[in-house]
C-alpha atoms as a PDB file:
ATOM      1  CA  UNK A   1      33.724  82.201  75.003  1.00  0.00           C
ATOM      2  CA  UNK A   2      30.309  81.815  73.483  1.00  0.00           C
ATOM      3  CA  UNK A   3      27.392  82.784  75.341  1.00  0.00           C
ATOM      4  CA  UNK A   4      24.041  81.176  74.571  1.00  0.00           C
ATOM      5  CA  UNK A   5      20.594  82.350  75.589  1.00  0.00           C
ATOM      6  CA  UNK A   6      18.077  80.169  77.434  1.00  0.00           C
ATOM      7  CA  UNK A   7      16.112  79.594  74.310  1.00  0.00           C
ATOM      8  CA  UNK A   8      19.059  78.343  72.301  1.00  0.00           C
ATOM      9  CA  UNK A   9      19.873  76.002  75.169  1.00  0.00           C
ATOM     10  CA  UNK A  10      16.465  74.610  75.179  1.00  0.00           C
ATOM     11  CA  UNK A  11      16.373  74.161  71.391  1.00  0.00           C
ATOM     12  CA  UNK A  12      19.684  72.267  71.615  1.00  0.00           C
ATOM     13  CA  UNK A  13      18.257  70.049  74.472  1.00  0.00           C
ATOM     14  CA  UNK A  14      15.032  69.451  72.367  1.00  0.00           C
ATOM     15  CA  UNK A  15      17.139  68.352  69.277  1.00  0.00           C
ATOM     16  CA  UNK A  16      19.418  66.060  71.327  1.00  0.00           C
ATOM     17  CA  UNK A  17      16.180  64.458  72.953  1.00  0.00           C
ATOM     18  CA  UNK A  18      14.764  64.147  69.519  1.00  0.00           C
ATOM     19  CA  UNK A  19      17.841  62.404  68.222  1.00  0.00           C
ATOM     20  CA  UNK A  20      17.829  60.027  71.209  1.00  0.00           C
ATOM     21  CA  UNK A  21      14.229  59.133  70.575  1.00  0.00           C
ATOM     22  CA  UNK A  22      14.792  58.498  66.835  1.00  0.00           C
ATOM     23  CA  UNK A  23      17.711  56.041  67.632  1.00  0.00           C
ATOM     24  CA  UNK A  24      15.562  54.346  70.254  1.00  0.00           C
ATOM     25  CA  UNK A  25      12.645  53.889  67.795  1.00  0.00           C
ATOM     26  CA  UNK A  26      14.909  52.841  65.047  1.00  0.00           C
ATOM     27  CA  UNK A  27      16.404  50.090  67.265  1.00  0.00           C
ATOM     28  CA  UNK A  28      12.948  48.984  68.223  1.00  0.00           C
ATOM     29  CA  UNK A  29      11.849  48.760  64.561  1.00  0.00           C
ATOM     30  CA  UNK A  30      14.951  46.694  63.720  1.00  0.00           C
ATOM     31  CA  UNK A  31      14.372  44.326  66.466  1.00  0.00           C
ATOM     32  CA  UNK A  32      10.658  43.877  65.387  1.00  0.00           C
ATOM     33  CA  UNK A  33      11.683  43.320  61.877  1.00  0.00           C
ATOM     34  CA  UNK A  34      14.141  40.577  62.716  1.00  0.00           C
ATOM     35  CA  UNK A  35      11.717  38.908  65.026  1.00  0.00           C
ATOM     36  CA  UNK A  36       9.108  38.963  62.335  1.00  0.00           C
ATOM     37  CA  UNK A  37      11.591  37.576  59.759  1.00  0.00           C
ATOM     38  CA  UNK A  38      12.553  34.710  62.027  1.00  0.00           C
ATOM     39  CA  UNK A  39       8.997  33.938  62.745  1.00  0.00           C
ATOM     40  CA  UNK A  40       8.301  33.972  58.938  1.00  0.00           C
ATOM     41  CA  UNK A  41      11.093  31.544  58.247  1.00  0.00           C
ATOM     42  CA  UNK A  42      10.035  29.290  60.909  1.00  0.00           C
ATOM     43  CA  UNK A  43       6.280  29.275  59.699  1.00  0.00           C
ATOM     44  CA  UNK A  44       7.431  28.663  56.154  1.00  0.00           C
ATOM     45  CA  UNK A  45       9.547  25.705  57.269  1.00  0.00           C
ATOM     46  CA  UNK A  46       6.557  24.373  59.282  1.00  0.00           C
ATOM     47  CA  UNK A  47       4.187  24.816  56.351  1.00  0.00           C
ATOM     48  CA  UNK A  48       6.737  23.073  54.019  1.00  0.00           C
ATOM     49  CA  UNK A  49       6.911  20.058  56.455  1.00  0.00           C
ATOM     50  CA  UNK A  50       3.103  19.834  56.674  1.00  0.00           C
ATOM     51  CA  UNK A  51       2.794  19.994  52.826  1.00  0.00           C
ATOM     52  CA  UNK A  52       5.345  17.155  52.507  1.00  0.00           C
ATOM     53  CA  UNK A  53       3.506  14.922  55.156  1.00  0.00           C
ATOM     54  CA  UNK A  54       0.149  15.628  53.354  1.00  0.00           C
ATOM     55  CA  UNK A  55       1.584  14.536  49.904  1.00  0.00           C
ATOM     56  CA  UNK A  56       2.775  11.321  51.290  1.00  0.00           C
ATOM     57  CA  UNK A  57      -0.681  10.170  52.069  1.00  0.00           C
END
């Protein structure tokens, strides 16, 4: 059976925590990206509608 020192266990815990944080941050960034994309598409459609209304007059 392998024996690990306290320092090695702490570094493993640190790396596990770091990976968890990176995963959480990545998900948050993906969600923000998709929300911004959907908002951009909505704004573009609204602008196109406004442009078509202005051209009719």
